[in-house]
């Protein structure tokens, strides 16, 4: 396979086309090889996944002078080549090419497939709808290298100390039968607008909601199986009575033998909720040296119970309580492709939409306390969700990637 050209137009075009799902398997392999070819390529690729960099580029785009850029572009072409004056619609294609040639701006196209697309109609920008999230994640290997899973084909994608990692039917599967004594750790991260399913080396199944992560060893050795998570994750833990399964968050840990449960630990939620569906789980509040809780406090859940950890505030300590009043179908609706808004308030729903549609929500005035009802498929455009929510007398206005709630 010939090395991929370093022509920025070629690279940027591949990256922008990648997000549209237009690359062939051969082109995907070429792009992956280009990323792995040097540290500079890897750093550039990582920048294209950096929200701060993207935001800067978006702001630069807002100040971009298309006509001047086009003239500079044409002026820099070799003198031996004849320059043609293009019709208006063809000139806009050249302007688009200028944007793509700027790799920093290409990161905007790469990450913004979840954002509104603008076209020109009668000289005015028309904002199109925002599509729903989809399957996809970033796999970080033990050496720090990253693989964009939703751009890769089925088959083996990496080997870590004898453990084979492969993609099968849009899920990540680990085979640790040939694992060596040295254990590496991997991390799967789902950005906003992505969700993913992974089968860990012990056959434990894990579903990650948007804006979540899980860190784990590529082979479970020793007396326990220990993982760390952020965000919202559903577990179906393989039963190994001799090797307890431990889940850690920043403020708590869970110990299980074989069970299925959902844990919601998003940083922008006021509580961390763990809902047990089968088996048994021990939920322990991690001691916080900045507050009075210096010893561990725990609760043991039975199926049908939810533990609610209220996060500490400036004047209050963290607290851990258990409730039997749960709707398991509502808790796990996201895993089954649904929004379940029954009993949810406006702010809670908006946080869900921010994560799934990769948008920013801003409130105009002080919203009334409204409780919603109803269910919807998550595989639907944002406008359809807003139509349903508007029936509760809440008004919305979408400008770019910002949803204003009135």
Protein backbone atom coordinates (compact mmCIF):
# COMPACT_ATOMS: atom_id res chain seq x y z
CA UNK A 1 0.00 0.00 0.00
CA UNK A 2 1.48 3.32 -1.08
CA UNK A 3 1.87 5.98 1.63
CA UNK A 4 -0.98 8.46 1.80
CA UNK A 5 -0.12 11.86 0.33
CA UNK A 6 0.75 14.62 2.79
CA UNK A 7 -1.11 17.10 0.61
CA UNK A 8 -3.31 18.94 3.13
CA UNK A 9 -6.19 18.97 0.67
CA UNK A 10 -6.08 15.16 0.43
CA UNK A 11 -5.90 14.70 4.20
CA UNK A 12 -8.58 17.27 5.00
CA UNK A 13 -10.87 15.92 2.30
CA UNK A 14 -10.59 12.40 3.70
CA UNK A 15 -11.32 13.62 7.22
CA UNK A 16 -14.37 15.62 6.18
CA UNK A 17 -15.67 12.75 3.99
CA UNK A 18 -15.09 10.29 6.82
CA UNK A 19 -17.80 11.92 8.94
CA UNK A 20 -20.22 11.58 6.04
CA UNK A 21 -19.57 7.83 5.82
CA UNK A 22 -18.24 8.13 2.26
CA UNK A 23 -14.79 6.54 2.62
CA UNK A 24 -14.04 3.14 1.14
CA UNK A 25 -12.36 0.47 3.31
CA UNK A 26 -9.12 1.17 1.46
CA UNK A 27 -9.31 4.90 2.16
CA UNK A 28 -10.06 4.20 5.83
CA UNK A 29 -6.96 2.01 6.02
CA UNK A 30 -4.89 4.72 4.29
CA UNK A 31 -6.06 7.39 6.74
CA UNK A 32 -5.39 5.15 9.74
CA UNK A 33 -1.88 4.45 8.44
CA UNK A 34 -1.27 8.18 7.96
CA UNK A 35 -2.29 8.86 11.57
CA UNK A 36 0.09 6.18 12.85
CA UNK A 37 2.98 7.29 10.62
CA UNK A 38 4.35 9.99 12.93
CA UNK A 39 3.86 11.79 16.23
CA UNK A 40 3.01 14.97 14.31
CA UNK A 41 0.16 13.20 12.50
CA UNK A 42 -1.07 11.75 15.77
CA UNK A 43 -1.01 15.16 17.49
CA UNK A 44 -2.94 16.70 14.60
CA UNK A 45 -5.54 13.94 14.79
CA UNK A 46 -5.91 14.50 18.54
CA UNK A 47 -6.39 18.22 17.95
CA UNK A 48 -9.24 17.39 15.61
CA UNK A 49 -10.93 15.73 18.60
CA UNK A 50 -10.35 18.66 20.97
CA UNK A 51 -13.53 20.66 21.62
CA UNK A 52 -11.57 23.81 22.53
CA UNK A 53 -9.67 23.71 19.23
CA UNK A 54 -12.90 23.16 17.34
CA UNK A 55 -14.54 26.13 19.07
CA UNK A 56 -11.61 28.37 18.12
CA UNK A 57 -11.89 27.23 14.52
CA UNK A 58 -15.61 27.84 14.47
CA UNK A 59 -15.00 31.39 15.68
CA UNK A 60 -12.35 31.80 12.99
CA UNK A 61 -14.84 30.63 10.39
CA UNK A 62 -17.26 33.34 11.51
CA UNK A 63 -14.59 35.95 10.69
CA UNK A 64 -13.52 34.28 7.45
CA UNK A 65 -13.55 36.45 4.29
CA UNK A 66 -14.58 33.99 1.58
CA UNK A 67 -13.94 36.27 -1.41
CA UNK A 68 -10.45 37.25 -0.25
CA UNK A 69 -9.58 33.65 0.52
CA UNK A 70 -10.69 32.58 -2.93
CA UNK A 71 -8.54 35.22 -4.59
CA UNK A 72 -5.51 34.18 -2.50
CA UNK A 73 -6.13 30.59 -3.40
CA UNK A 74 -6.34 31.29 -7.12
CA UNK A 75 -3.35 33.68 -7.00
CA UNK A 76 -1.16 30.95 -5.52
CA UNK A 77 -1.81 28.51 -8.37
CA UNK A 78 1.19 27.93 -10.75
CA UNK A 79 1.50 30.60 -13.44
CA UNK A 80 1.71 27.93 -16.17
CA UNK A 81 -1.85 26.87 -15.46
CA UNK A 82 -4.74 28.85 -16.84
CA UNK A 83 -7.13 30.18 -14.22
CA UNK A 84 -10.80 30.02 -15.19
CA UNK A 85 -13.44 32.33 -13.84
CA UNK A 86 -16.05 30.13 -12.31
CA UNK A 87 -19.84 30.46 -12.27
CA UNK A 88 -21.26 31.47 -8.89
CA UNK A 89 -22.11 27.93 -7.80
CA UNK A 90 -18.67 26.68 -8.83
CA UNK A 91 -17.01 29.55 -6.91
CA UNK A 92 -18.75 28.36 -3.76
CA UNK A 93 -17.22 24.91 -4.34
CA UNK A 94 -13.78 26.54 -4.44
CA UNK A 95 -14.57 28.44 -1.25
CA UNK A 96 -15.51 25.13 0.39
CA UNK A 97 -12.19 23.72 -0.78
CA UNK A 98 -10.37 26.62 0.84
CA UNK A 99 -12.07 25.78 4.13
CA UNK A 100 -11.08 22.15 3.80
CA UNK A 101 -7.49 23.07 2.97
CA UNK A 102 -7.24 24.71 6.40
CA UNK A 103 -6.82 21.62 8.55
CA UNK A 104 -7.86 23.48 11.67
CA UNK A 105 -11.19 24.30 10.05
CA UNK A 106 -11.43 20.71 8.81
CA UNK A 107 -11.71 19.75 12.46
CA UNK A 108 -14.97 21.71 12.48
CA UNK A 109 -16.36 19.50 9.72
CA UNK A 110 -14.95 16.39 11.36
CA UNK A 111 -16.62 16.91 14.72
CA UNK A 112 -19.70 18.83 13.72
CA UNK A 113 -21.67 16.15 11.92
CA UNK A 114 -23.98 16.41 14.93
CA UNK A 115 -24.31 20.18 14.46
CA UNK A 116 -26.67 22.01 12.12
CA UNK A 117 -25.62 22.13 8.46
CA UNK A 118 -26.01 25.49 6.75
CA UNK A 119 -26.78 26.01 3.07
CA UNK A 120 -27.50 29.12 1.01
CA UNK A 121 -31.06 29.79 -0.11
CA UNK A 122 -31.91 33.18 -1.57
CA UNK A 123 -28.75 34.63 -0.06
CA UNK A 124 -29.72 33.63 3.47
CA UNK A 125 -28.31 30.89 5.66
CA UNK A 126 -30.82 28.13 6.31
CA UNK A 127 -30.21 25.95 9.37
CA UNK A 128 -31.10 22.32 8.87
CA UNK A 129 -32.09 19.82 11.52
CA UNK A 130 -29.75 18.12 13.99
CA UNK A 131 -29.62 14.34 13.60
CA UNK A 132 -29.57 11.97 16.59
CA UNK A 133 -26.46 10.38 18.05
CA UNK A 134 -25.20 7.00 16.88
CA UNK A 135 -22.84 4.15 17.74
CA UNK A 136 -19.22 5.19 18.04
CA UNK A 137 -16.37 5.70 20.52
CA UNK A 138 -12.67 6.40 20.93
CA UNK A 139 -10.47 3.54 22.15
CA UNK A 140 -7.30 4.64 23.94
CA UNK A 141 -4.67 1.89 24.11
CA UNK A 142 -2.10 1.42 26.85
CA UNK A 143 0.55 3.37 24.90
CA UNK A 144 -1.76 6.39 24.59
CA UNK A 145 -2.59 5.87 20.91
CA UNK A 146 -6.23 6.27 19.94
CA UNK A 147 -8.53 4.47 17.52
CA UNK A 148 -11.77 6.04 16.27
CA UNK A 149 -14.02 2.98 16.39
CA UNK A 150 -16.88 4.31 14.26
CA UNK A 151 -14.46 4.74 11.34
CA UNK A 152 -13.07 1.20 11.40
CA UNK A 153 -14.22 -1.98 9.72
CA UNK A 154 -14.96 -5.33 11.34
CA UNK A 155 -12.07 -7.57 12.41
CA UNK A 156 -9.01 -7.40 14.63
CA UNK A 157 -7.98 -3.80 15.31
CA UNK A 158 -5.24 -4.19 17.95
CA UNK A 159 -3.35 -6.61 20.20
CA UNK A 160 -2.38 -5.72 23.77
CA UNK A 161 0.02 -8.07 25.59
CA UNK A 162 -1.49 -11.12 23.92
CA UNK A 163 -5.10 -9.96 24.22
CA UNK A 164 -6.81 -9.60 20.83
CA UNK A 165 -9.19 -6.68 20.35
CA UNK A 166 -11.70 -6.87 17.53
CA UNK A 167 -14.81 -5.15 16.22
CA UNK A 168 -17.80 -7.43 15.68
CA UNK A 169 -21.28 -6.16 14.76
CA UNK A 170 -20.53 -2.63 16.01
CA UNK A 171 -19.27 -3.83 19.39
CA UNK A 172 -15.76 -4.16 20.81
CA UNK A 173 -14.75 -7.68 21.89
CA UNK A 174 -11.68 -8.78 23.88
CA UNK A 175 -10.13 -12.26 23.67
CA UNK A 176 -7.68 -12.74 26.56
CA UNK A 177 -7.03 -16.49 26.07
CA UNK A 178 -3.44 -15.78 24.98
CA UNK A 179 -2.82 -12.87 27.38
CA UNK A 180 0.66 -12.56 28.88
CA UNK A 181 1.48 -11.91 32.52
CA UNK A 182 1.80 -8.14 32.00
CA UNK A 183 -1.57 -6.38 32.05
CA UNK A 184 -2.27 -3.25 30.03
CA UNK A 185 -5.21 -0.90 30.55
CA UNK A 186 -7.53 0.48 27.87
CA UNK A 187 -10.11 3.27 27.96
CA UNK A 188 -13.22 3.65 25.84
CA UNK A 189 -14.70 7.15 25.63
CA UNK A 190 -17.99 8.10 24.01
CA UNK A 191 -18.14 11.79 23.02
CA UNK A 192 -21.45 13.63 23.03
CA UNK A 193 -23.66 12.17 20.33
CA UNK A 194 -22.18 8.68 20.61
CA UNK A 195 -22.96 5.43 22.46
CA UNK A 196 -21.15 2.10 22.43
CA UNK A 197 -21.20 -1.56 23.49
CA UNK A 198 -18.12 -3.50 24.63
CA UNK A 199 -17.54 -7.06 25.78
CA UNK A 200 -14.74 -7.10 28.39
CA UNK A 201 -12.14 -9.90 28.64
CA UNK A 202 -14.24 -11.77 31.26
CA UNK A 203 -17.33 -11.68 28.97
CA UNK A 204 -18.94 -8.86 31.00
CA UNK A 205 -21.06 -6.71 28.69
CA UNK A 206 -20.95 -2.93 29.01
CA UNK A 207 -23.12 -0.28 27.35
CA UNK A 208 -21.90 3.34 27.44
CA UNK A 209 -24.29 6.25 27.06
CA UNK A 210 -23.15 9.50 25.44
CA UNK A 211 -20.34 11.48 27.14
CA UNK A 212 -19.16 8.49 29.19
CA UNK A 213 -16.03 6.39 29.64
CA UNK A 214 -14.73 3.15 31.11
CA UNK A 215 -11.13 2.23 31.96
CA UNK A 216 -10.30 -1.48 32.36
CA UNK A 217 -7.47 -4.05 32.02
CA UNK A 218 -7.19 -6.05 28.80
CA UNK A 219 -7.07 -9.21 30.93
CA UNK A 220 -8.45 -9.67 34.44
CA UNK A 221 -5.69 -11.10 36.65
CA UNK A 222 -5.56 -11.49 40.42
CA UNK A 223 -8.29 -11.58 43.05
CA UNK A 224 -10.63 -8.95 41.59
CA UNK A 225 -11.90 -7.29 38.41
CA UNK A 226 -11.66 -3.52 38.75
CA UNK A 227 -12.86 -0.84 36.30
CA UNK A 228 -13.37 2.94 36.46
CA UNK A 229 -16.21 4.85 34.82
CA UNK A 230 -17.59 8.32 34.18
CA UNK A 231 -21.01 9.25 32.84
CA UNK A 232 -23.73 6.61 32.46
CA UNK A 233 -22.98 2.92 32.00
CA UNK A 234 -25.05 -0.27 32.03
CA UNK A 235 -23.34 -3.50 33.14
CA UNK A 236 -24.21 -7.17 32.66
CA UNK A 237 -21.45 -8.71 34.75
CA UNK A 238 -20.17 -12.23 34.07
CA UNK A 239 -20.41 -14.37 37.21
CA UNK A 240 -17.05 -15.25 38.76
CA UNK A 241 -17.60 -16.00 42.44
CA UNK A 242 -13.83 -16.15 43.03
CA UNK A 243 -13.20 -12.75 41.42
CA UNK A 244 -15.50 -9.88 42.53
CA UNK A 245 -16.25 -7.16 40.00
CA UNK A 246 -15.57 -3.61 41.27
CA UNK A 247 -16.73 -0.40 39.61
CA UNK A 248 -15.17 2.88 40.73
CA UNK A 249 -16.37 6.44 40.23
CA UNK A 250 -14.87 9.59 41.73
CA UNK A 251 -17.10 9.38 44.83
CA UNK A 252 -18.16 5.76 45.20
CA UNK A 253 -17.45 2.14 44.37
CA UNK A 254 -19.64 -0.89 43.68
CA UNK A 255 -18.79 -4.51 44.43
CA UNK A 256 -20.63 -7.30 42.61
CA UNK A 257 -20.24 -11.00 41.80
CA UNK A 258 -22.62 -11.41 38.88
CA UNK A 259 -25.40 -8.94 38.23
CA UNK A 260 -26.94 -6.37 35.88
CA UNK A 261 -27.23 -2.73 36.91
CA UNK A 262 -27.23 0.83 35.61
CA UNK A 263 -25.12 3.63 37.08
CA UNK A 264 -25.59 7.31 36.24
CA UNK A 265 -22.61 9.35 37.45
CA UNK A 266 -22.58 12.38 35.15
CA UNK A 267 -20.68 15.31 36.61
CA UNK A 268 -23.51 17.77 35.82
CA UNK A 269 -26.15 15.73 37.67
CA UNK A 270 -26.83 16.42 41.35
CA UNK A 271 -26.86 12.74 42.32
CA UNK A 272 -25.21 9.46 41.37
CA UNK A 273 -27.85 6.78 40.92
CA UNK A 274 -27.25 3.03 40.81
CA UNK A 275 -30.20 0.83 39.87
CA UNK A 276 -29.98 -2.93 40.38
CA UNK A 277 -31.91 -5.22 38.03
CA UNK A 278 -30.54 -8.66 38.97
CA UNK A 279 -28.11 -10.10 41.51
CA UNK A 280 -26.70 -8.09 44.39
CA UNK A 281 -24.41 -5.09 44.69
CA UNK A 282 -22.71 -3.27 47.54
CA UNK A 283 -22.52 0.51 47.04
CA UNK A 284 -19.85 2.25 49.10
CA UNK A 285 -19.45 5.99 49.57
CA UNK A 286 -15.77 6.83 49.19
CA UNK A 287 -14.53 8.83 52.22
CA UNK A 288 -14.02 12.51 51.41
CA UNK A 289 -11.20 14.13 53.36
CA UNK A 290 -12.66 17.57 52.70
CA UNK A 291 -15.82 16.75 54.68
CA UNK A 292 -16.75 14.89 57.82
CA UNK A 293 -17.10 11.46 56.18
CA UNK A 294 -13.73 9.90 57.00
CA UNK A 295 -15.01 6.31 57.12
CA UNK A 296 -16.71 4.31 54.40
CA UNK A 297 -20.51 4.29 54.34
CA UNK A 298 -22.26 1.61 52.29
CA UNK A 299 -25.62 0.13 51.27
CA UNK A 300 -26.39 -3.34 49.88
CA UNK A 301 -28.96 -3.35 47.08
CA UNK A 302 -31.37 -6.08 46.10
CA UNK A 303 -33.10 -6.23 42.67
CA UNK A 304 -35.55 -3.38 42.15
CA UNK A 305 -33.71 -0.91 44.36
CA UNK A 306 -31.82 2.29 43.52
CA UNK A 307 -29.11 3.90 45.59
CA UNK A 308 -29.03 7.71 45.40
CA UNK A 309 -25.79 9.43 46.33
CA UNK A 310 -26.34 13.15 46.85
CA UNK A 311 -23.14 14.97 46.04
CA UNK A 312 -21.60 17.14 48.76
CA UNK A 313 -22.15 20.88 48.68
CA UNK A 314 -20.46 23.84 50.35
CA UNK A 315 -22.65 23.41 53.44
CA UNK A 316 -23.52 19.71 53.27
CA UNK A 317 -21.92 16.30 53.23
CA UNK A 318 -22.51 13.57 50.69
CA UNK A 319 -25.36 11.23 51.60
CA UNK A 320 -26.31 7.75 50.41
CA UNK A 321 -29.89 6.48 50.56
CA UNK A 322 -31.81 3.57 48.99
CA UNK A 323 -35.25 3.71 47.43
CA UNK A 324 -37.61 0.96 46.23
CA UNK A 325 -39.70 3.34 44.15
CA UNK A 326 -38.11 2.86 40.74
CA UNK A 327 -39.15 2.22 37.18
CA UNK A 328 -36.45 -0.04 35.75
CA UNK A 329 -37.75 0.53 32.23
CA UNK A 330 -37.30 4.26 32.62
CA UNK A 331 -33.80 3.93 34.08
CA UNK A 332 -32.57 1.74 31.21
CA UNK A 333 -34.60 3.38 28.42
CA UNK A 334 -31.45 4.91 26.89
CA UNK A 335 -29.89 1.45 26.46
CA UNK A 336 -32.98 0.30 24.59
CA UNK A 337 -32.99 3.30 22.25
CA UNK A 338 -35.62 5.41 24.01
CA UNK A 339 -36.11 8.70 25.79
CA UNK A 340 -38.39 8.22 28.81
CA UNK A 341 -39.50 11.64 30.03
CA UNK A 342 -42.10 10.43 32.53
CA UNK A 343 -41.76 12.49 35.70
CA UNK A 344 -38.67 14.35 34.43
CA UNK A 345 -38.30 18.11 34.82
CA UNK A 346 -37.18 20.50 32.10
CA UNK A 347 -33.55 20.77 33.19
CA UNK A 348 -33.14 17.00 33.39
CA UNK A 349 -34.50 16.58 29.86
CA UNK A 350 -32.30 19.35 28.49
CA UNK A 351 -29.19 17.68 29.94
CA UNK A 352 -30.15 14.48 28.11
CA UNK A 353 -30.58 16.37 24.84
CA UNK A 354 -27.25 18.16 25.26
CA UNK A 355 -25.45 14.83 25.53
CA UNK A 356 -27.29 13.00 22.76
CA UNK A 357 -27.48 15.77 20.15
CA UNK A 358 -24.17 17.45 21.06
CA UNK A 359 -25.78 20.85 21.58
CA UNK A 360 -25.57 23.63 24.16
CA UNK A 361 -28.71 24.64 26.05
CA UNK A 362 -29.25 28.18 27.31
CA UNK A 363 -32.28 29.44 29.23
CA UNK A 364 -34.00 32.73 28.43
CA UNK A 365 -35.58 33.95 31.66
CA UNK A 366 -36.39 31.60 34.51
CA UNK A 367 -38.24 28.50 33.26
CA UNK A 368 -41.27 27.37 35.22
CA UNK A 369 -41.17 24.05 37.02
CA UNK A 370 -42.68 21.74 34.41
CA UNK A 371 -42.95 17.95 34.73
CA UNK A 372 -43.07 16.02 31.47
CA UNK A 373 -44.57 12.71 30.41
CA UNK A 374 -44.07 10.47 27.41
CA UNK A 375 -41.56 8.31 25.58
CA UNK A 376 -39.76 8.74 22.27
CA UNK A 377 -37.24 6.87 20.18
CA UNK A 378 -33.75 8.34 20.45
CA UNK A 379 -33.23 7.65 16.76
CA UNK A 380 -35.04 10.82 15.75
CA UNK A 381 -34.01 14.32 14.77
CA UNK A 382 -33.93 17.06 17.38
CA UNK A 383 -36.82 18.97 15.78
CA UNK A 384 -39.17 16.03 16.31
CA UNK A 385 -38.28 15.86 20.00
CA UNK A 386 -38.86 19.60 20.40
CA UNK A 387 -42.28 19.35 18.74
CA UNK A 388 -43.34 16.92 21.47
CA UNK A 389 -41.88 19.04 24.27
CA UNK A 390 -43.61 22.17 22.93
CA UNK A 391 -46.96 20.59 23.76
CA UNK A 392 -46.06 21.34 27.41
CA UNK A 393 -46.05 25.09 26.64
CA UNK A 394 -42.26 25.41 26.48
CA UNK A 395 -40.83 27.41 23.57
CA UNK A 396 -37.53 26.65 21.87
CA UNK A 397 -35.32 28.42 19.37
CA UNK A 398 -32.33 26.75 17.72
CA UNK A 399 -29.52 29.06 16.55
CA UNK A 400 -26.53 27.20 15.22
CA UNK A 401 -25.61 24.66 17.84
CA UNK A 402 -27.31 26.51 20.73
CA UNK A 403 -30.85 25.67 21.84
CA UNK A 404 -32.56 28.56 23.61
CA UNK A 405 -35.30 27.54 26.06
CA UNK A 406 -37.91 30.21 26.70
